[in-house]
Amino acid sequence: MQEKTRLLVADELRSIPGSYGSSNSLQINSDVIHRHHIYAPPEDYFLLSVMSCICCFFVPFVGIVAVFKSKQVNRLYRKGEVIAAYRASSHARGFALMACMLGCMVISTTVILVAYKLGLGF
């Protein structure tokens, strides 16, 4: 659902008169966006960010960045910076998932090493 929304936003923004968009960089005035379209607020992934920070405490810095980015989403959307809000939403999800994956890797590596040291058949 998020990918469809991002693609629709990018396609619609390129068609707005007076916008300066290309496939590589999309620079647009947020006033132009709100005069022509109303966009749903992007997902902030705050719960996922907090849970990744709490549960994956082995890599807290990545989780803290995810929480910061997730709080930035709503602030940017309220200011009218829709593109930046969608970008922050994507970054928040990425950092939260990265924290979860790194935490799982650290936990599984620890379990394997402890099992190996105890001679549990690995």
PDB file of N, CA and C in Angstrom:
ATOM      1  N   MET A   1       0.818  -1.195   0.000  1.00  0.00           N
ATOM      2  CA  MET A   1       0.000   0.000   0.000  1.00  0.00           C
ATOM      3  C   MET A   1       0.855   1.249   0.000  1.00  0.00           C
ATOM      4  N   GLN A   2       1.923   1.257   0.826  1.00  0.00           N
ATOM      5  CA  GLN A   2       2.802   2.421   0.899  1.00  0.00           C
ATOM      6  C   GLN A   2       3.503   2.657  -0.438  1.00  0.00           C
ATOM      7  N   GLU A   3       3.930   1.569  -1.115  1.00  0.00           N
ATOM      8  CA  GLU A   3       4.623   1.727  -2.383  1.00  0.00           C
ATOM      9  C   GLU A   3       3.695   2.345  -3.424  1.00  0.00           C
ATOM     10  N   LYS A   4       2.424   1.892  -3.456  1.00  0.00           N
ATOM     11  CA  LYS A   4       1.470   2.461  -4.397  1.00  0.00           C
ATOM     12  C   LYS A   4       1.287   3.953  -4.132  1.00  0.00           C
ATOM     13  N   THR A   5       1.172   4.316  -2.854  1.00  0.00           N
ATOM     14  CA  THR A   5       0.982   5.716  -2.495  1.00  0.00           C
ATOM     15  C   THR A   5       2.176   6.533  -2.946  1.00  0.00           C
ATOM     16  N   ARG A   6       3.387   6.034  -2.702  1.00  0.00           N
ATOM     17  CA  ARG A   6       4.587   6.777  -3.094  1.00  0.00           C
ATOM     18  C   ARG A   6       4.647   6.948  -4.610  1.00  0.00           C
ATOM     19  N   LEU A   7       4.300   5.893  -5.360  1.00  0.00           N
ATOM     20  CA  LEU A   7       4.340   5.997  -6.809  1.00  0.00           C
ATOM     21  C   LEU A   7       3.295   6.980  -7.307  1.00  0.00           C
ATOM     22  N   LEU A   8       2.094   6.935  -6.727  1.00  0.00           N
ATOM     23  CA  LEU A   8       1.053   7.871  -7.134  1.00  0.00           C
ATOM     24  C   LEU A   8       1.461   9.303  -6.838  1.00  0.00           C
ATOM     25  N   VAL A   9       2.059   9.523  -5.693  1.00  0.00           N
ATOM     26  CA  VAL A   9       2.491  10.869  -5.332  1.00  0.00           C
ATOM     27  C   VAL A   9       3.512  11.365  -6.335  1.00  0.00           C
ATOM     28  N   ALA A  10       4.504  10.553  -6.646  1.00  0.00           N
ATOM     29  CA  ALA A  10       5.547  10.968  -7.573  1.00  0.00           C
ATOM     30  C   ALA A  10       4.981  11.242  -8.961  1.00  0.00           C
ATOM     31  N   ASP A  11       4.082  10.363  -9.443  1.00  0.00           N
ATOM     32  CA  ASP A  11       3.486  10.568 -10.762  1.00  0.00           C
ATOM     33  C   ASP A  11       2.615  11.815 -10.802  1.00  0.00           C
ATOM     34  N   GLU A  12       1.820  12.032  -9.775  1.00  0.00           N
ATOM     35  CA  GLU A  12       0.947  13.190  -9.751  1.00  0.00           C
ATOM     36  C   GLU A  12       1.741  14.482  -9.612  1.00  0.00           C
ATOM     37  N   LEU A  13       2.835  14.450  -8.863  1.00  0.00           N
ATOM     38  CA  LEU A  13       3.625  15.658  -8.676  1.00  0.00           C
ATOM     39  C   LEU A  13       4.310  16.079  -9.966  1.00  0.00           C
ATOM     40  N   ARG A  14       4.704  15.120 -10.767  1.00  0.00           N
ATOM     41  CA  ARG A  14       5.342  15.473 -12.036  1.00  0.00           C
ATOM     42  C   ARG A  14       4.366  16.150 -12.981  1.00  0.00           C
ATOM     43  N   SER A  15       3.062  15.875 -12.830  1.00  0.00           N
ATOM     44  CA  SER A  15       2.082  16.440 -13.749  1.00  0.00           C
ATOM     45  C   SER A  15       1.563  17.805 -13.312  1.00  0.00           C
ATOM     46  N   ILE A  16       1.968  18.287 -12.147  1.00  0.00           N
ATOM     47  CA  ILE A  16       1.491  19.589 -11.673  1.00  0.00           C
ATOM     48  C   ILE A  16       2.191  20.689 -12.452  1.00  0.00           C
ATOM     49  N   PRO A  17       1.429  21.650 -12.990  1.00  0.00           N
ATOM     50  CA  PRO A  17       2.068  22.754 -13.720  1.00  0.00           C
ATOM     51  C   PRO A  17       2.987  23.547 -12.796  1.00  0.00           C
ATOM     52  N   GLY A  18       4.145  23.914 -13.308  1.00  0.00           N
ATOM     53  CA  GLY A  18       5.082  24.708 -12.536  1.00  0.00           C
ATOM     54  C   GLY A  18       6.011  23.873 -11.674  1.00  0.00           C
ATOM     55  N   SER A  19       5.893  22.556 -11.744  1.00  0.00           N
ATOM     56  CA  SER A  19       6.773  21.718 -10.928  1.00  0.00           C
ATOM     57  C   SER A  19       8.045  21.428 -11.702  1.00  0.00           C
ATOM     58  N   TYR A  20       9.080  21.174 -10.980  1.00  0.00           N
ATOM     59  CA  TYR A  20      10.365  20.857 -11.574  1.00  0.00           C
ATOM     60  C   TYR A  20      10.711  19.439 -11.160  1.00  0.00           C
ATOM     61  N   GLY A  21      10.303  18.486 -11.948  1.00  0.00           N
ATOM     62  CA  GLY A  21      10.537  17.102 -11.573  1.00  0.00           C
ATOM     63  C   GLY A  21      11.227  16.337 -12.681  1.00  0.00           C
ATOM     64  N   SER A  22      12.018  15.395 -12.296  1.00  0.00           N
ATOM     65  CA  SER A  22      12.630  14.475 -13.234  1.00  0.00           C
ATOM     66  C   SER A  22      12.662  13.118 -12.567  1.00  0.00           C
ATOM     67  N   SER A  23      13.137  12.131 -13.271  1.00  0.00           N
ATOM     68  CA  SER A  23      13.167  10.797 -12.673  1.00  0.00           C
ATOM     69  C   SER A  23      14.201  10.711 -11.560  1.00  0.00           C
ATOM     70  N   ASN A  24      15.236  11.554 -11.597  1.00  0.00           N
ATOM     71  CA  ASN A  24      16.275  11.481 -10.577  1.00  0.00           C
ATOM     72  C   ASN A  24      15.986  12.361  -9.375  1.00  0.00           C
ATOM     73  N   SER A  25      15.542  13.586  -9.607  1.00  0.00           N
ATOM     74  CA  SER A  25      15.290  14.480  -8.480  1.00  0.00           C
ATOM     75  C   SER A  25      13.952  15.156  -8.670  1.00  0.00           C
ATOM     76  N   LEU A  26      13.224  15.280  -7.583  1.00  0.00           N
ATOM     77  CA  LEU A  26      11.905  15.876  -7.623  1.00  0.00           C
ATOM     78  C   LEU A  26      11.884  17.038  -6.639  1.00  0.00           C
ATOM     79  N   GLN A  27      11.929  18.263  -7.170  1.00  0.00           N
ATOM     80  CA  GLN A  27      11.896  19.449  -6.330  1.00  0.00           C
ATOM     81  C   GLN A  27      10.601  20.172  -6.640  1.00  0.00           C
ATOM     82  N   ILE A  28       9.824  20.419  -5.615  1.00  0.00           N
ATOM     83  CA  ILE A  28       8.521  21.016  -5.843  1.00  0.00           C
ATOM     84  C   ILE A  28       8.136  21.861  -4.648  1.00  0.00           C
ATOM     85  N   ASN A  29       7.405  22.907  -4.887  1.00  0.00           N
ATOM     86  CA  ASN A  29       6.941  23.772  -3.816  1.00  0.00           C
ATOM     87  C   ASN A  29       5.745  23.110  -3.152  1.00  0.00           C
ATOM     88  N   SER A  30       5.747  23.021  -1.831  1.00  0.00           N
ATOM     89  CA  SER A  30       4.655  22.333  -1.143  1.00  0.00           C
ATOM     90  C   SER A  30       3.343  23.089  -1.263  1.00  0.00           C
ATOM     91  N   ASP A  31       3.382  24.410  -1.530  1.00  0.00           N
ATOM     92  CA  ASP A  31       2.133  25.157  -1.752  1.00  0.00           C
ATOM     93  C   ASP A  31       1.436  24.671  -3.014  1.00  0.00           C
ATOM     94  N   VAL A  32       2.213  24.328  -4.026  1.00  0.00           N
ATOM     95  CA  VAL A  32       1.646  23.813  -5.267  1.00  0.00           C
ATOM     96  C   VAL A  32       0.951  22.485  -5.012  1.00  0.00           C
ATOM     97  N   ILE A  33       1.542  21.659  -4.173  1.00  0.00           N
ATOM     98  CA  ILE A  33       0.956  20.355  -3.866  1.00  0.00           C
ATOM     99  C   ILE A  33      -0.417  20.538  -3.241  1.00  0.00           C
ATOM    100  N   HIS A  34      -0.524  21.405  -2.255  1.00  0.00           N
ATOM    101  CA  HIS A  34      -1.780  21.531  -1.529  1.00  0.00           C
ATOM    102  C   HIS A  34      -2.844  22.285  -2.322  1.00  0.00           C
ATOM    103  N   ARG A  35      -2.477  23.069  -3.299  1.00  0.00           N
ATOM    104  CA  ARG A  35      -3.488  23.730  -4.114  1.00  0.00           C
ATOM    105  C   ARG A  35      -4.172  22.750  -5.054  1.00  0.00           C
ATOM    106  N   HIS A  36      -3.469  21.696  -5.454  1.00  0.00           N
ATOM    107  CA  HIS A  36      -4.004  20.777  -6.456  1.00  0.00           C
ATOM    108  C   HIS A  36      -4.478  19.444  -5.896  1.00  0.00           C
ATOM    109  N   HIS A  37      -3.871  18.977  -4.809  1.00  0.00           N
ATOM    110  CA  HIS A  37      -4.193  17.648  -4.298  1.00  0.00           C
ATOM    111  C   HIS A  37      -4.219  17.658  -2.777  1.00  0.00           C
ATOM    112  N   ILE A  38      -4.960  16.720  -2.234  1.00  0.00           N
ATOM    113  CA  ILE A  38      -4.930  16.469  -0.799  1.00  0.00           C
ATOM    114  C   ILE A  38      -4.378  15.063  -0.623  1.00  0.00           C
ATOM    115  N   TYR A  39      -3.313  14.945   0.141  1.00  0.00           N
ATOM    116  CA  TYR A  39      -2.655  13.659   0.329  1.00  0.00           C
ATOM    117  C   TYR A  39      -2.916  13.139   1.732  1.00  0.00           C
ATOM    118  N   ALA A  40      -3.044  11.839   1.826  1.00  0.00           N
ATOM    119  CA  ALA A  40      -3.168  11.199   3.136  1.00  0.00           C
ATOM    120  C   ALA A  40      -1.821  11.298   3.839  1.00  0.00           C
ATOM    121  N   PRO A  41      -1.837  11.463   5.146  1.00  0.00           N
ATOM    122  CA  PRO A  41      -0.558  11.544   5.855  1.00  0.00           C
ATOM    123  C   PRO A  41       0.196  10.223   5.738  1.00  0.00           C
ATOM    124  N   PRO A  42       1.505  10.296   5.601  1.00  0.00           N
ATOM    125  CA  PRO A  42       2.284   9.053   5.496  1.00  0.00           C
ATOM    126  C   PRO A  42       2.347   8.337   6.831  1.00  0.00           C
ATOM    127  N   GLU A  43       2.555   7.048   6.778  1.00  0.00           N
ATOM    128  CA  GLU A  43       2.694   6.231   7.986  1.00  0.00           C
ATOM    129  C   GLU A  43       3.957   6.656   8.715  1.00  0.00           C
ATOM    130  N   ASP A  44       3.871   6.809  10.048  1.00  0.00           N
ATOM    131  CA  ASP A  44       5.051   7.271  10.775  1.00  0.00           C
ATOM    132  C   ASP A  44       5.865   6.129  11.385  1.00  0.00           C
ATOM    133  N   TYR A  45       5.344   4.934  11.468  1.00  0.00           N
ATOM    134  CA  TYR A  45       6.051   3.755  11.989  1.00  0.00           C
ATOM    135  C   TYR A  45       6.609   3.992  13.391  1.00  0.00           C
ATOM    136  N   PHE A  46       5.913   4.785  14.195  1.00  0.00           N
ATOM    137  CA  PHE A  46       6.413   5.113  15.529  1.00  0.00           C
ATOM    138  C   PHE A  46       6.438   3.881  16.430  1.00  0.00           C
ATOM    139  N   LEU A  47       5.371   3.086  16.417  1.00  0.00           N
ATOM    140  CA  LEU A  47       5.321   1.892  17.263  1.00  0.00           C
ATOM    141  C   LEU A  47       6.421   0.904  16.881  1.00  0.00           C
ATOM    142  N   LEU A  48       6.602   0.685  15.585  1.00  0.00           N
ATOM    143  CA  LEU A  48       7.674  -0.208  15.129  1.00  0.00           C
ATOM    144  C   LEU A  48       9.035   0.323  15.562  1.00  0.00           C
ATOM    145  N   SER A  49       9.226   1.630  15.484  1.00  0.00           N
ATOM    146  CA  SER A  49      10.505   2.230  15.871  1.00  0.00           C
ATOM    147  C   SER A  49      10.770   2.072  17.356  1.00  0.00           C
ATOM    148  N   VAL A  50       9.755   2.317  18.162  1.00  0.00           N
ATOM    149  CA  VAL A  50       9.924   2.189  19.617  1.00  0.00           C
ATOM    150  C   VAL A  50      10.174   0.731  19.997  1.00  0.00           C
ATOM    151  N   MET A  51       9.411  -0.176  19.395  1.00  0.00           N
ATOM    152  CA  MET A  51       9.595  -1.592  19.704  1.00  0.00           C
ATOM    153  C   MET A  51      10.975  -2.087  19.255  1.00  0.00           C
ATOM    154  N   SER A  52      11.455  -1.598  18.121  1.00  0.00           N
ATOM    155  CA  SER A  52      12.792  -2.015  17.689  1.00  0.00           C
ATOM    156  C   SER A  52      13.856  -1.447  18.610  1.00  0.00           C
ATOM    157  N   CYS A  53      13.604  -0.266  19.163  1.00  0.00           N
ATOM    158  CA  CYS A  53      14.560   0.332  20.101  1.00  0.00           C
ATOM    159  C   CYS A  53      14.547  -0.415  21.432  1.00  0.00           C
ATOM    160  N   ILE A  54      13.375  -0.840  21.885  1.00  0.00           N
ATOM    161  CA  ILE A  54      13.257  -1.530  23.173  1.00  0.00           C
ATOM    162  C   ILE A  54      13.688  -2.994  23.062  1.00  0.00           C
ATOM    163  N   CYS A  55      13.157  -3.702  22.086  1.00  0.00           N
ATOM    164  CA  CYS A  55      13.415  -5.141  21.979  1.00  0.00           C
ATOM    165  C   CYS A  55      14.812  -5.455  21.456  1.00  0.00           C
ATOM    166  N   CYS A  56      15.334  -4.623  20.612  1.00  0.00           N
ATOM    167  CA  CYS A  56      16.661  -4.865  20.043  1.00  0.00           C
ATOM    168  C   CYS A  56      17.653  -3.933  20.709  1.00  0.00           C
ATOM    169  N   PHE A  57      17.792  -4.088  21.998  1.00  0.00           N
ATOM    170  CA  PHE A  57      18.625  -3.167  22.765  1.00  0.00           C
ATOM    171  C   PHE A  57      20.114  -3.348  22.524  1.00  0.00           C
ATOM    172  N   PHE A  58      20.493  -4.343  21.729  1.00  0.00           N
ATOM    173  CA  PHE A  58      21.904  -4.535  21.403  1.00  0.00           C
ATOM    174  C   PHE A  58      22.398  -3.479  20.417  1.00  0.00           C
ATOM    175  N   VAL A  59      21.485  -2.951  19.607  1.00  0.00           N
ATOM    176  CA  VAL A  59      21.843  -1.911  18.631  1.00  0.00           C
ATOM    177  C   VAL A  59      20.934  -0.702  18.848  1.00  0.00           C
ATOM    178  N   PRO A  60      21.091   0.012  19.966  1.00  0.00           N
ATOM    179  CA  PRO A  60      20.139   1.078  20.291  1.00  0.00           C
ATOM    180  C   PRO A  60      20.249   2.298  19.393  1.00  0.00           C
ATOM    181  N   PHE A  61      21.409   2.551  18.815  1.00  0.00           N
ATOM    182  CA  PHE A  61      21.575   3.768  18.036  1.00  0.00           C
ATOM    183  C   PHE A  61      20.720   3.759  16.777  1.00  0.00           C
ATOM    184  N   VAL A  62      20.609   2.626  16.132  1.00  0.00           N
ATOM    185  CA  VAL A  62      19.773   2.520  14.936  1.00  0.00           C
ATOM    186  C   VAL A  62      18.306   2.706  15.317  1.00  0.00           C
ATOM    187  N   GLY A  63      17.896   2.145  16.443  1.00  0.00           N
ATOM    188  CA  GLY A  63      16.527   2.322  16.913  1.00  0.00           C
ATOM    189  C   GLY A  63      16.225   3.761  17.291  1.00  0.00           C
ATOM    190  N   ILE A  64      17.190   4.451  17.867  1.00  0.00           N
ATOM    191  CA  ILE A  64      16.991   5.854  18.236  1.00  0.00           C
ATOM    192  C   ILE A  64      16.832   6.710  16.984  1.00  0.00           C
ATOM    193  N   VAL A  65      17.605   6.432  15.950  1.00  0.00           N
ATOM    194  CA  VAL A  65      17.451   7.154  14.685  1.00  0.00           C
ATOM    195  C   VAL A  65      16.074   6.879  14.093  1.00  0.00           C
ATOM    196  N   ALA A  66      15.596   5.640  14.197  1.00  0.00           N
ATOM    197  CA  ALA A  66      14.257   5.302  13.691  1.00  0.00           C
ATOM    198  C   ALA A  66      13.179   6.075  14.436  1.00  0.00           C
ATOM    199  N   VAL A  67      13.304   6.203  15.749  1.00  0.00           N
ATOM    200  CA  VAL A  67      12.328   6.965  16.529  1.00  0.00           C
ATOM    201  C   VAL A  67      12.364   8.437  16.122  1.00  0.00           C
ATOM    202  N   PHE A  68      13.560   8.985  15.962  1.00  0.00           N
ATOM    203  CA  PHE A  68      13.694  10.379  15.548  1.00  0.00           C
ATOM    204  C   PHE A  68      13.039  10.617  14.192  1.00  0.00           C
ATOM    205  N   LYS A  69      13.306   9.738  13.235  1.00  0.00           N
ATOM    206  CA  LYS A  69      12.716   9.880  11.896  1.00  0.00           C
ATOM    207  C   LYS A  69      11.196   9.726  11.935  1.00  0.00           C
ATOM    208  N   SER A  70      10.691   8.815  12.771  1.00  0.00           N
ATOM    209  CA  SER A  70       9.236   8.622  12.831  1.00  0.00           C
ATOM    210  C   SER A  70       8.544   9.840  13.427  1.00  0.00           C
ATOM    211  N   LYS A  71       9.175  10.511  14.373  1.00  0.00           N
ATOM    212  CA  LYS A  71       8.594  11.739  14.919  1.00  0.00           C
ATOM    213  C   LYS A  71       8.683  12.885  13.914  1.00  0.00           C
ATOM    214  N   GLN A  72       9.660  12.830  13.040  1.00  0.00           N
ATOM    215  CA  GLN A  72       9.841  13.861  12.033  1.00  0.00           C
ATOM    216  C   GLN A  72       8.742  13.813  10.963  1.00  0.00           C
ATOM    217  N   VAL A  73       8.147  12.643  10.738  1.00  0.00           N
ATOM    218  CA  VAL A  73       7.139  12.473   9.694  1.00  0.00           C
ATOM    219  C   VAL A  73       5.949  13.400   9.917  1.00  0.00           C
ATOM    220  N   ASN A  74       5.344  13.348  11.096  1.00  0.00           N
ATOM    221  CA  ASN A  74       4.158  14.161  11.360  1.00  0.00           C
ATOM    222  C   ASN A  74       4.485  15.650  11.372  1.00  0.00           C
ATOM    223  N   ARG A  75       5.658  16.002  11.899  1.00  0.00           N
ATOM    224  CA  ARG A  75       6.042  17.404  11.934  1.00  0.00           C
ATOM    225  C   ARG A  75       6.181  17.965  10.512  1.00  0.00           C
ATOM    226  N   LEU A  76       6.817  17.208   9.631  1.00  0.00           N
ATOM    227  CA  LEU A  76       6.980  17.656   8.246  1.00  0.00           C
ATOM    228  C   LEU A  76       5.649  17.725   7.521  1.00  0.00           C
ATOM    229  N   TYR A  77       4.774  16.754   7.771  1.00  0.00           N
ATOM    230  CA  TYR A  77       3.472  16.757   7.093  1.00  0.00           C
ATOM    231  C   TYR A  77       2.638  17.959   7.532  1.00  0.00           C
ATOM    232  N   ARG A  78       2.674  18.278   8.832  1.00  0.00           N
ATOM    233  CA  ARG A  78       1.922  19.444   9.316  1.00  0.00           C
ATOM    234  C   ARG A  78       2.463  20.744   8.742  1.00  0.00           C
ATOM    235  N   LYS A  79       3.761  20.799   8.478  1.00  0.00           N
ATOM    236  CA  LYS A  79       4.356  21.991   7.880  1.00  0.00           C
ATOM    237  C   LYS A  79       4.051  22.095   6.392  1.00  0.00           C
ATOM    238  N   GLY A  80       3.512  21.040   5.798  1.00  0.00           N
ATOM    239  CA  GLY A  80       3.180  21.052   4.382  1.00  0.00           C
ATOM    240  C   GLY A  80       4.263  20.480   3.485  1.00  0.00           C
ATOM    241  N   GLU A  81       5.296  19.924   4.051  1.00  0.00           N
ATOM    242  CA  GLU A  81       6.382  19.334   3.275  1.00  0.00           C
ATOM    243  C   GLU A  81       6.085  17.848   3.049  1.00  0.00           C
ATOM    244  N   VAL A  82       5.215  17.598   2.091  1.00  0.00           N
ATOM    245  CA  VAL A  82       4.688  16.248   1.876  1.00  0.00           C
ATOM    246  C   VAL A  82       5.774  15.288   1.393  1.00  0.00           C
ATOM    247  N   ILE A  83       6.572  15.725   0.443  1.00  0.00           N
ATOM    248  CA  ILE A  83       7.620  14.854  -0.096  1.00  0.00           C
ATOM    249  C   ILE A  83       8.621  14.486   0.992  1.00  0.00           C
ATOM    250  N   ALA A  84       9.029  15.466   1.775  1.00  0.00           N
ATOM    251  CA  ALA A  84       9.977  15.206   2.861  1.00  0.00           C
ATOM    252  C   ALA A  84       9.355  14.289   3.911  1.00  0.00           C
ATOM    253  N   ALA A  85       8.045  14.410   4.147  1.00  0.00           N
ATOM    254  CA  ALA A  85       7.363  13.543   5.108  1.00  0.00           C
ATOM    255  C   ALA A  85       7.357  12.092   4.618  1.00  0.00           C
ATOM    256  N   TYR A  86       7.077  11.887   3.332  1.00  0.00           N
ATOM    257  CA  TYR A  86       7.114  10.527   2.787  1.00  0.00           C
ATOM    258  C   TYR A  86       8.534   9.958   2.828  1.00  0.00           C
ATOM    259  N   ARG A  87       9.523  10.796   2.576  1.00  0.00           N
ATOM    260  CA  ARG A  87      10.915  10.349   2.636  1.00  0.00           C
ATOM    261  C   ARG A  87      11.289   9.962   4.073  1.00  0.00           C
ATOM    262  N   ALA A  88      10.884  10.778   5.050  1.00  0.00           N
ATOM    263  CA  ALA A  88      11.175  10.469   6.457  1.00  0.00           C
ATOM    264  C   ALA A  88      10.457   9.192   6.882  1.00  0.00           C
ATOM    265  N   SER A  89       9.247   8.969   6.370  1.00  0.00           N
ATOM    266  CA  SER A  89       8.508   7.751   6.670  1.00  0.00           C
ATOM    267  C   SER A  89       9.258   6.528   6.161  1.00  0.00           C
ATOM    268  N   SER A  90       9.773   6.632   4.956  1.00  0.00           N
ATOM    269  CA  SER A  90      10.537   5.530   4.381  1.00  0.00           C
ATOM    270  C   SER A  90      11.813   5.270   5.184  1.00  0.00           C
ATOM    271  N   HIS A  91      12.474   6.338   5.602  1.00  0.00           N
ATOM    272  CA  HIS A  91      13.694   6.184   6.403  1.00  0.00           C
ATOM    273  C   HIS A  91      13.386   5.585   7.773  1.00  0.00           C
ATOM    274  N   ALA A  92      12.283   6.004   8.378  1.00  0.00           N
ATOM    275  CA  ALA A  92      11.904   5.465   9.694  1.00  0.00           C
ATOM    276  C   ALA A  92      11.669   3.961   9.606  1.00  0.00           C
ATOM    277  N   ARG A  93      10.943   3.541   8.576  1.00  0.00           N
ATOM    278  CA  ARG A  93      10.702   2.104   8.399  1.00  0.00           C
ATOM    279  C   ARG A  93      12.005   1.357   8.161  1.00  0.00           C
ATOM    280  N   GLY A  94      12.864   1.912   7.337  1.00  0.00           N
ATOM    281  CA  GLY A  94      14.136   1.259   7.037  1.00  0.00           C
ATOM    282  C   GLY A  94      15.023   1.115   8.265  1.00  0.00           C
ATOM    283  N   PHE A  95      15.147   2.185   9.051  1.00  0.00           N
ATOM    284  CA  PHE A  95      15.973   2.119  10.247  1.00  0.00           C
ATOM    285  C   PHE A  95      15.382   1.173  11.286  1.00  0.00           C
ATOM    286  N   ALA A  96      14.048   1.167  11.429  1.00  0.00           N
ATOM    287  CA  ALA A  96      13.416   0.263  12.394  1.00  0.00           C
ATOM    288  C   ALA A  96      13.625  -1.197  11.989  1.00  0.00           C
ATOM    289  N   LEU A  97      13.451  -1.494  10.715  1.00  0.00           N
ATOM    290  CA  LEU A  97      13.674  -2.866  10.255  1.00  0.00           C
ATOM    291  C   LEU A  97      15.139  -3.260  10.358  1.00  0.00           C
ATOM    292  N   MET A  98      16.044  -2.299  10.087  1.00  0.00           N
ATOM    293  CA  MET A  98      17.464  -2.585  10.226  1.00  0.00           C
ATOM    294  C   MET A  98      17.813  -2.895  11.679  1.00  0.00           C
ATOM    295  N   ALA A  99      17.240  -2.138  12.617  1.00  0.00           N
ATOM    296  CA  ALA A  99      17.492  -2.402  14.038  1.00  0.00           C
ATOM    297  C   ALA A  99      16.983  -3.788  14.426  1.00  0.00           C
ATOM    298  N   CYS A 100      15.798  -4.160  13.928  1.00  0.00           N
ATOM    299  CA  CYS A 100      15.257  -5.491  14.232  1.00  0.00           C
ATOM    300  C   CYS A 100      16.139  -6.596  13.658  1.00  0.00           C
ATOM    301  N   MET A 101      16.583  -6.415  12.420  1.00  0.00           N
ATOM    302  CA  MET A 101      17.435  -7.447  11.802  1.00  0.00           C
ATOM    303  C   MET A 101      18.776  -7.558  12.512  1.00  0.00           C
ATOM    304  N   LEU A 102      19.388  -6.420  12.835  1.00  0.00           N
ATOM    305  CA  LEU A 102      20.660  -6.464  13.546  1.00  0.00           C
ATOM    306  C   LEU A 102      20.495  -7.078  14.930  1.00  0.00           C
ATOM    307  N   GLY A 103      19.405  -6.751  15.613  1.00  0.00           N
ATOM    308  CA  GLY A 103      19.139  -7.336  16.925  1.00  0.00           C
ATOM    309  C   GLY A 103      18.952  -8.835  16.842  1.00  0.00           C
ATOM    310  N   CYS A 104      18.224  -9.300  15.829  1.00  0.00           N
ATOM    311  CA  CYS A 104      18.025 -10.744  15.647  1.00  0.00           C
ATOM    312  C   CYS A 104      19.335 -11.445  15.323  1.00  0.00           C
ATOM    313  N   MET A 105      20.183 -10.796  14.524  1.00  0.00           N
ATOM    314  CA  MET A 105      21.476 -11.404  14.205  1.00  0.00           C
ATOM    315  C   MET A 105      22.356 -11.502  15.446  1.00  0.00           C
ATOM    316  N   VAL A 106      22.366 -10.480  16.272  1.00  0.00           N
ATOM    317  CA  VAL A 106      23.178 -10.509  17.497  1.00  0.00           C
ATOM    318  C   VAL A 106      22.665 -11.583  18.448  1.00  0.00           C
ATOM    319  N   ILE A 107      21.345 -11.654  18.613  1.00  0.00           N
ATOM    320  CA  ILE A 107      20.758 -12.647  19.523  1.00  0.00           C
ATOM    321  C   ILE A 107      21.023 -14.063  19.016  1.00  0.00           C
ATOM    322  N   SER A 108      20.802 -14.306  17.714  1.00  0.00           N
ATOM    323  CA  SER A 108      21.020 -15.661  17.188  1.00  0.00           C
ATOM    324  C   SER A 108      22.495 -16.047  17.242  1.00  0.00           C
ATOM    325  N   THR A 109      23.396 -15.103  16.969  1.00  0.00           N
ATOM    326  CA  THR A 109      24.828 -15.397  17.068  1.00  0.00           C
ATOM    327  C   THR A 109      25.211 -15.729  18.500  1.00  0.00           C
ATOM    328  N   THR A 110      24.658 -14.998  19.451  1.00  0.00           N
ATOM    329  CA  THR A 110      24.944 -15.253  20.866  1.00  0.00           C
ATOM    330  C   THR A 110      24.442 -16.637  21.279  1.00  0.00           C
ATOM    331  N   VAL A 111      23.234 -16.982  20.858  1.00  0.00           N
ATOM    332  CA  VAL A 111      22.673 -18.297  21.196  1.00  0.00           C
ATOM    333  C   VAL A 111      23.515 -19.414  20.593  1.00  0.00           C
ATOM    334  N   ILE A 112      23.941 -19.242  19.348  1.00  0.00           N
ATOM    335  CA  ILE A 112      24.756 -20.276  18.702  1.00  0.00           C
ATOM    336  C   ILE A 112      26.107 -20.426  19.394  1.00  0.00           C
ATOM    337  N   LEU A 113      26.733 -19.301  19.732  1.00  0.00           N
ATOM    338  CA  LEU A 113      28.032 -19.377  20.414  1.00  0.00           C
ATOM    339  C   LEU A 113      27.920 -19.995  21.800  1.00  0.00           C
ATOM    340  N   VAL A 114      26.885 -19.662  22.534  1.00  0.00           N
ATOM    341  CA  VAL A 114      26.691 -20.244  23.866  1.00  0.00           C
ATOM    342  C   VAL A 114      26.424 -21.742  23.741  1.00  0.00           C
ATOM    343  N   ALA A 115      25.589 -22.129  22.770  1.00  0.00           N
ATOM    344  CA  ALA A 115      25.306 -23.553  22.572  1.00  0.00           C
ATOM    345  C   ALA A 115      26.570 -24.305  22.161  1.00  0.00           C
ATOM    346  N   TYR A 116      27.394 -23.685  21.349  1.00  0.00           N
ATOM    347  CA  TYR A 116      28.651 -24.320  20.925  1.00  0.00           C
ATOM    348  C   TYR A 116      29.610 -24.482  22.104  1.00  0.00           C
ATOM    349  N   LYS A 117      29.708 -23.441  22.920  1.00  0.00           N
ATOM    350  CA  LYS A 117      30.601 -23.500  24.080  1.00  0.00           C
ATOM    351  C   LYS A 117      30.141 -24.530  25.104  1.00  0.00           C
ATOM    352  N   LEU A 118      28.838 -24.705  25.226  1.00  0.00           N
ATOM    353  CA  LEU A 118      28.303 -25.686  26.171  1.00  0.00           C
ATOM    354  C   LEU A 118      28.292 -27.101  25.586  1.00  0.00           C
ATOM    355  N   GLY A 119      28.586 -27.234  24.299  1.00  0.00           N
ATOM    356  CA  GLY A 119      28.652 -28.546  23.669  1.00  0.00           C
ATOM    357  C   GLY A 119      27.288 -29.167  23.472  1.00  0.00           C
ATOM    358  N   LEU A 120      26.331 -28.404  23.004  1.00  0.00           N
ATOM    359  CA  LEU A 120      24.974 -28.907  22.825  1.00  0.00           C
ATOM    360  C   LEU A 120      24.716 -29.515  21.449  1.00  0.00           C
ATOM    361  N   GLY A 121      25.752 -29.931  20.759  1.00  0.00           N
ATOM    362  CA  GLY A 121      25.565 -30.684  19.531  1.00  0.00           C
ATOM    363  C   GLY A 121      25.655 -29.896  18.241  1.00  0.00           C
ATOM    364  N   PHE A 122      26.227 -28.734  18.236  1.00  0.00           N
ATOM    365  CA  PHE A 122      26.368 -28.002  16.980  1.00  0.00           C
ATOM    366  C   PHE A 122      27.654 -28.347  16.317  1.00  0.00           C
TER     367      PHE A 122
END
